Protein backbone atom coordinates (compact mmCIF):
# COMPACT_ATOMS: atom_id res chain seq x y z
CA UNK A 1 0.00 0.00 0.00
CA UNK A 2 1.26 3.51 -0.83
CA UNK A 3 0.24 6.47 1.32
CA UNK A 4 0.75 10.23 1.08
CA UNK A 5 -0.53 12.64 3.72
CA UNK A 6 -0.66 16.38 4.32
CA UNK A 7 -2.12 18.80 6.85
CA UNK A 8 -5.06 20.93 5.75
CA UNK A 9 -5.72 24.07 7.81
CA UNK A 10 -9.30 25.28 8.00
CA UNK A 11 -10.53 28.75 8.89
CA UNK A 12 -11.78 27.49 12.23
CA UNK A 13 -8.20 26.83 13.32
CA UNK A 14 -8.68 23.07 13.12
CA UNK A 15 -6.01 21.05 11.35
CA UNK A 16 -7.26 17.97 9.57
CA UNK A 17 -4.93 15.22 8.44
CA UNK A 18 -5.90 14.11 4.93
CA UNK A 19 -4.33 11.26 3.04
CA UNK A 20 -4.35 9.53 -0.31
CA UNK A 21 -3.79 5.78 -0.27
CA UNK A 22 -3.75 2.97 -2.82
CA UNK A 23 -4.86 -0.40 -1.50
CA UNK A 24 -5.91 -3.41 -3.61
CA UNK A 25 -6.42 -1.15 -6.61
CA UNK A 26 -8.65 1.25 -4.63
CA UNK A 27 -7.53 4.87 -4.32
CA UNK A 28 -8.95 6.64 -1.28
CA UNK A 29 -8.55 10.20 -0.03
CA UNK A 30 -9.79 11.12 3.43
CA UNK A 31 -12.10 14.11 3.81
CA UNK A 32 -13.27 16.15 6.86
CA UNK A 33 -16.80 15.62 8.21
CA UNK A 34 -19.49 18.14 7.36
CA UNK A 35 -20.50 20.58 10.09
CA UNK A 36 -24.16 21.54 10.03
CA UNK A 37 -26.46 23.72 12.14
CA UNK A 38 -30.09 22.93 12.96
CA UNK A 39 -32.15 26.05 13.88
CA UNK A 40 -34.99 23.85 15.18
CA UNK A 41 -33.00 21.68 17.57
CA UNK A 42 -30.23 24.26 18.12
CA UNK A 43 -27.52 21.70 17.33
CA UNK A 44 -24.12 22.67 15.99
CA UNK A 45 -21.33 20.43 14.68
CA UNK A 46 -23.63 17.50 14.01
CA UNK A 47 -23.38 15.28 10.95
CA UNK A 48 -26.56 14.85 8.93
CA UNK A 49 -28.21 11.47 9.30
CA UNK A 50 -28.41 10.87 5.55
CA UNK A 51 -25.35 9.95 3.51
CA UNK A 52 -24.89 11.32 -0.01
CA UNK A 53 -22.74 9.57 -2.61
CA UNK A 54 -21.96 10.59 -6.20
CA UNK A 55 -20.72 8.10 -8.78
CA UNK A 56 -18.99 9.66 -11.81
CA UNK A 57 -17.36 8.46 -15.01
CA UNK A 58 -18.62 7.97 -18.58
CA UNK A 59 -20.31 4.66 -19.55
CA UNK A 60 -18.08 3.11 -16.92
CA UNK A 61 -20.67 0.97 -15.17
CA UNK A 62 -21.76 3.56 -12.59
CA UNK A 63 -25.31 2.25 -12.37
CA UNK A 64 -24.15 -1.35 -11.93
CA UNK A 65 -21.69 -0.32 -9.22
CA UNK A 66 -24.41 1.71 -7.48
CA UNK A 67 -26.81 -1.23 -7.55
CA UNK A 68 -24.12 -3.53 -6.14
CA UNK A 69 -23.44 -1.04 -3.33
CA UNK A 70 -27.16 -0.84 -2.54
CA UNK A 71 -27.40 -4.62 -2.42
CA UNK A 72 -24.35 -4.91 -0.16
CA UNK A 73 -25.43 -2.10 2.18
CA UNK A 74 -28.74 -3.78 3.01
CA UNK A 75 -30.24 -0.66 4.62
CA UNK A 76 -33.99 0.03 4.46
CA UNK A 77 -34.05 3.44 2.74
CA UNK A 78 -31.80 4.02 -0.28
CA UNK A 79 -32.47 6.35 -3.22
CA UNK A 80 -30.69 6.03 -6.58
CA UNK A 81 -30.96 9.01 -8.93
CA UNK A 82 -29.51 9.42 -12.41
CA UNK A 83 -28.25 12.73 -13.75
CA UNK A 84 -29.79 11.75 -17.10
CA UNK A 85 -33.17 12.76 -15.64
CA UNK A 86 -32.00 16.37 -15.60
CA UNK A 87 -31.28 16.92 -19.30
CA UNK A 88 -32.70 20.20 -20.57
CA UNK A 89 -35.64 20.25 -22.97
CA UNK A 90 -34.44 20.96 -26.51
CA UNK A 91 -35.91 23.78 -28.58
CA UNK A 92 -36.82 23.35 -32.25
CA UNK A 93 -33.36 24.30 -33.53
CA UNK A 94 -31.65 21.96 -31.07
CA UNK A 95 -34.09 19.16 -31.93
CA UNK A 96 -33.15 19.46 -35.58
CA UNK A 97 -29.48 19.11 -34.64
CA UNK A 98 -30.25 16.13 -32.39
CA UNK A 99 -32.10 14.31 -35.17
CA UNK A 100 -29.01 14.72 -37.38
CA UNK A 101 -26.77 13.51 -34.51
CA UNK A 102 -25.16 16.95 -34.41
CA UNK A 103 -26.25 17.98 -30.90
CA UNK A 104 -23.75 17.63 -28.05
CA UNK A 105 -25.49 15.71 -25.25
CA UNK A 106 -22.12 15.28 -23.52
CA UNK A 107 -21.61 18.93 -22.70
CA UNK A 108 -22.15 20.22 -19.14
CA UNK A 109 -24.49 22.82 -20.66
CA UNK A 110 -26.91 20.03 -21.65
CA UNK A 111 -28.03 19.62 -18.02
CA UNK A 112 -30.35 21.67 -15.84
CA UNK A 113 -28.01 22.20 -12.89
CA UNK A 114 -30.47 24.53 -11.17
CA UNK A 115 -33.12 21.82 -10.91
CA UNK A 116 -30.50 19.21 -10.02
CA UNK A 117 -29.16 21.32 -7.15
CA UNK A 118 -32.68 22.08 -5.90
CA UNK A 119 -33.51 18.36 -5.93
CA UNK A 120 -30.36 17.44 -3.99
CA UNK A 121 -31.02 20.13 -1.36
CA UNK A 122 -34.59 18.94 -0.80
CA UNK A 123 -33.55 15.29 -0.54
CA UNK A 124 -30.84 16.13 1.98
CA UNK A 125 -33.48 17.98 4.00
CA UNK A 126 -35.67 14.87 3.94
CA UNK A 127 -38.31 16.46 1.70
CA UNK A 128 -40.28 14.90 -1.14
CA UNK A 129 -39.12 15.68 -4.68
CA UNK A 130 -40.54 15.05 -8.13
CA UNK A 131 -37.77 13.91 -10.47
CA UNK A 132 -38.51 14.56 -14.16
CA UNK A 133 -38.65 11.70 -16.65
CA UNK A 134 -36.61 12.44 -19.78
CA UNK A 135 -37.61 10.92 -23.12
CA UNK A 136 -34.51 10.33 -25.24
CA UNK A 137 -36.55 9.84 -28.40
CA UNK A 138 -38.35 13.21 -28.22
CA UNK A 139 -35.46 14.82 -26.30
CA UNK A 140 -37.93 16.41 -23.90
CA UNK A 141 -39.21 15.74 -20.41
CA UNK A 142 -42.41 13.74 -20.31
CA UNK A 143 -45.15 16.31 -19.56
CA UNK A 144 -47.22 15.96 -16.38
CA UNK A 145 -45.23 12.93 -15.31
CA UNK A 146 -42.46 12.55 -12.74
CA UNK A 147 -40.95 10.06 -10.32
CA UNK A 148 -41.73 10.92 -6.70
CA UNK A 149 -38.77 10.34 -4.40
CA UNK A 150 -38.49 10.81 -0.65
CA UNK A 151 -35.48 11.39 1.60
CA UNK A 152 -33.52 8.32 2.65
CA UNK A 153 -30.66 7.03 4.79
CA UNK A 154 -28.42 6.80 1.72
CA UNK A 155 -28.81 8.93 -1.41
CA UNK A 156 -26.77 7.78 -4.43
CA UNK A 157 -26.47 9.99 -7.51
CA UNK A 158 -24.83 8.84 -10.71
CA UNK A 159 -23.86 10.89 -13.74
CA UNK A 160 -20.85 11.84 -15.82
CA UNK A 161 -20.77 15.48 -14.66
CA UNK A 162 -21.55 14.89 -11.01
CA UNK A 163 -18.01 15.85 -10.03
CA UNK A 164 -17.91 18.83 -12.41
CA UNK A 165 -20.15 21.39 -10.70
CA UNK A 166 -18.62 22.81 -7.50
CA UNK A 167 -21.96 23.45 -5.77
CA UNK A 168 -23.07 19.87 -6.31
CA UNK A 169 -19.64 18.58 -5.35
CA UNK A 170 -19.72 20.37 -1.99
CA UNK A 171 -23.00 18.70 -1.04
CA UNK A 172 -21.70 15.15 -1.43
CA UNK A 173 -20.33 13.21 1.54
CA UNK A 174 -18.49 10.78 -0.73
CA UNK A 175 -17.34 11.25 -4.32
CA UNK A 176 -16.57 8.13 -6.35
CA UNK A 177 -15.04 7.94 -9.84
CA UNK A 178 -15.63 4.66 -11.66
CA UNK A 179 -12.71 4.22 -14.05
CA UNK A 180 -13.06 1.73 -16.91
CA UNK A 181 -11.11 1.07 -20.11
CA UNK A 182 -12.27 3.38 -22.93
CA UNK A 183 -12.92 0.48 -25.34
CA UNK A 184 -15.27 -1.14 -22.83
CA UNK A 185 -16.97 2.23 -22.28
CA UNK A 186 -17.55 2.62 -26.03
CA UNK A 187 -19.02 -0.88 -26.32
CA UNK A 188 -21.36 -0.20 -23.40
CA UNK A 189 -22.41 3.13 -24.83
CA UNK A 190 -23.28 1.62 -28.22
CA UNK A 191 -25.32 -1.11 -26.54
CA UNK A 192 -27.14 1.34 -24.26
CA UNK A 193 -27.88 4.07 -26.81
CA UNK A 194 -29.15 1.62 -29.43
CA UNK A 195 -31.24 -0.49 -27.05
CA UNK A 196 -32.57 2.22 -24.72
CA UNK A 197 -32.35 5.60 -26.44
CA UNK A 198 -33.36 4.98 -30.04
CA UNK A 199 -30.00 5.74 -31.70
CA UNK A 200 -28.52 3.78 -34.59
CA UNK A 201 -24.95 2.46 -34.45
CA UNK A 202 -23.66 4.94 -37.05
CA UNK A 203 -25.17 7.80 -35.06
CA UNK A 204 -23.62 6.57 -31.81
CA UNK A 205 -20.16 6.33 -33.41
CA UNK A 206 -20.54 9.80 -34.94
CA UNK A 207 -21.50 11.29 -31.58
CA UNK A 208 -18.68 9.42 -29.85
CA UNK A 209 -15.99 10.71 -32.18
CA UNK A 210 -17.32 14.26 -32.36
CA UNK A 211 -18.60 14.91 -28.83
CA UNK A 212 -18.28 12.04 -26.35
CA UNK A 213 -14.52 11.40 -26.46
CA UNK A 214 -13.54 15.12 -26.51
CA UNK A 215 -15.99 15.78 -23.66
CA UNK A 216 -14.52 12.91 -21.65
CA UNK A 217 -10.98 14.23 -22.14
CA UNK A 218 -11.89 17.88 -21.44
CA UNK A 219 -14.54 17.63 -18.72
CA UNK A 220 -15.07 14.15 -17.27
CA UNK A 221 -11.59 12.70 -16.78
CA UNK A 222 -10.21 15.85 -15.07
CA UNK A 223 -12.91 15.46 -12.37
CA UNK A 224 -11.16 12.27 -11.28
CA UNK A 225 -8.89 14.39 -9.08
CA UNK A 226 -11.95 15.59 -7.13
CA UNK A 227 -13.02 12.06 -6.22
CA UNK A 228 -12.50 10.62 -2.76
CA UNK A 229 -12.49 7.10 -4.18
CA UNK A 230 -11.43 5.80 -7.61
CA UNK A 231 -12.65 2.32 -8.55
CA UNK A 232 -10.73 0.88 -11.52
CA UNK A 233 -12.41 -1.77 -13.72
CA UNK A 234 -15.88 -0.85 -12.44
CA UNK A 235 -18.14 -3.73 -11.45
CA UNK A 236 -15.35 -6.28 -11.94
CA UNK A 237 -13.46 -4.84 -8.97
CA UNK A 238 -15.43 -6.66 -6.27
CA UNK A 239 -12.75 -6.11 -3.63
CA UNK A 240 -12.86 -2.33 -4.09
CA UNK A 241 -16.67 -2.27 -4.02
CA UNK A 242 -16.67 -4.38 -0.86
CA UNK A 243 -14.19 -2.03 0.85
CA UNK A 244 -16.27 0.97 -0.20
CA UNK A 245 -19.45 -0.64 1.12
CA UNK A 246 -17.86 -1.38 4.49
CA UNK A 247 -16.65 2.21 4.75
CA UNK A 248 -20.17 3.54 4.07
CA UNK A 249 -21.61 1.16 6.66
CA UNK A 250 -19.14 2.48 9.25
CA UNK A 251 -20.07 6.05 8.40
CA UNK A 252 -23.78 5.30 8.77
CA UNK A 253 -23.21 3.61 12.13
CA UNK A 254 -21.16 6.55 13.41
CA UNK A 255 -23.83 9.01 12.31
CA UNK A 256 -26.54 6.93 13.95
CA UNK A 257 -24.69 6.91 17.27
CA UNK A 258 -23.99 10.64 17.01
CA UNK A 259 -27.67 11.34 16.29
CA UNK A 260 -28.81 9.34 19.32
CA UNK A 261 -26.31 11.13 21.56
CA UNK A 262 -27.47 14.57 20.38
CA UNK A 263 -31.14 13.71 20.86
CA UNK A 264 -30.39 12.57 24.40
CA UNK A 265 -28.45 15.77 25.07
CA UNK A 266 -31.24 17.99 23.74
CA UNK A 267 -34.01 16.21 25.63
CA UNK A 268 -32.69 15.42 29.12
CA UNK A 269 -34.57 12.60 30.85
CA UNK A 270 -37.56 13.73 32.90
CA UNK A 271 -39.15 11.94 35.81
CA UNK A 272 -42.15 10.01 34.53
CA UNK A 273 -45.56 10.65 36.13
CA UNK A 274 -46.84 7.86 38.42
CA UNK A 275 -49.52 6.67 35.97
CA UNK A 276 -46.92 6.14 33.20
CA UNK A 277 -44.57 4.37 35.62
CA UNK A 278 -47.47 2.10 36.60
CA UNK A 279 -48.25 1.23 32.97
CA UNK A 280 -44.57 0.50 32.28
CA UNK A 281 -44.50 -1.78 35.32
CA UNK A 282 -47.52 -3.75 34.12
CA UNK A 283 -46.42 -4.30 30.49
CA UNK A 284 -42.93 -5.34 31.65
CA UNK A 285 -44.30 -7.84 34.15
CA UNK A 286 -43.82 -11.37 32.82
CA UNK A 287 -46.96 -12.44 34.70
CA UNK A 288 -49.17 -9.72 33.20
CA UNK A 289 -52.26 -11.04 31.44
CA UNK A 290 -52.64 -10.71 27.69
CA UNK A 291 -55.60 -8.37 28.18
CA UNK A 292 -53.67 -6.04 30.53
CA UNK A 293 -50.62 -5.99 28.26
CA UNK A 294 -52.65 -5.00 25.18
CA UNK A 295 -54.73 -2.44 27.10
CA UNK A 296 -51.81 -0.59 28.71
CA UNK A 297 -49.54 -0.84 25.64
CA UNK A 298 -52.35 0.75 23.61
CA UNK A 299 -52.74 3.45 26.26
CA UNK A 300 -49.01 4.24 26.21
CA UNK A 301 -49.04 4.41 22.41
CA UNK A 302 -51.94 6.88 22.59
CA UNK A 303 -49.99 9.12 24.96
CA UNK A 304 -46.94 9.03 22.67
CA UNK A 305 -49.02 10.01 19.62
CA UNK A 306 -50.74 12.81 21.56
CA UNK A 307 -47.38 14.20 22.65
CA UNK A 308 -46.00 13.99 19.11
CA UNK A 309 -49.05 15.79 17.67
CA UNK A 310 -48.68 18.54 20.27
CA UNK A 311 -45.20 19.24 18.89
CA UNK A 312 -46.55 19.92 15.39
CA UNK A 313 -47.47 23.46 14.25
CA UNK A 314 -51.21 24.09 14.25
CA UNK A 315 -53.87 26.78 13.88
CA UNK A 316 -57.32 27.11 15.43
CA UNK A 317 -60.29 25.94 13.36
CA UNK A 318 -64.05 25.93 13.88
CA UNK A 319 -65.88 22.92 12.43
CA UNK A 320 -69.44 21.67 12.39
CA UNK A 321 -69.81 18.07 13.54
CA UNK A 322 -72.16 15.57 11.82
CA UNK A 323 -74.65 16.17 14.66
CA UNK A 324 -74.74 19.89 13.94
CA UNK A 325 -72.67 21.00 16.92
CA UNK A 326 -69.98 23.67 16.61
CA UNK A 327 -66.52 22.66 17.79
CA UNK A 328 -63.46 24.87 18.07
CA UNK A 329 -60.01 23.36 18.34
Foldseek 3Di string as FASTA:
>chain_A
DDKDWDWDADPVRDIDIWMWDADLNKTFIDDDADWDADPVLRDTRAGQLAAEEEEADFLQQRVVLVVVLCVVLPDDWEAEAEQVLFFAADDPVQQVCVVVLNHACLDPVRGDVVVVLVVLVQLSVFHKDWGWDAQLANSHTDPPDTDIDTHGNYYYYYDHCCLQDPSSLVSHPFYEYEAEDVVSSLVSQLVCCVPPRVDHNVSSVVNCVPHVVVSCVPGRVVSNVVGRMYHYSHPVSVVNSVVVSVVVSVVSVVSVVSVVVSVCVSDPDDDDDPVLVVLVVQLPDPPHDPVSNVVSVVVVVVVVVVVVVVPDDDDWDWDQDPVRDIDID
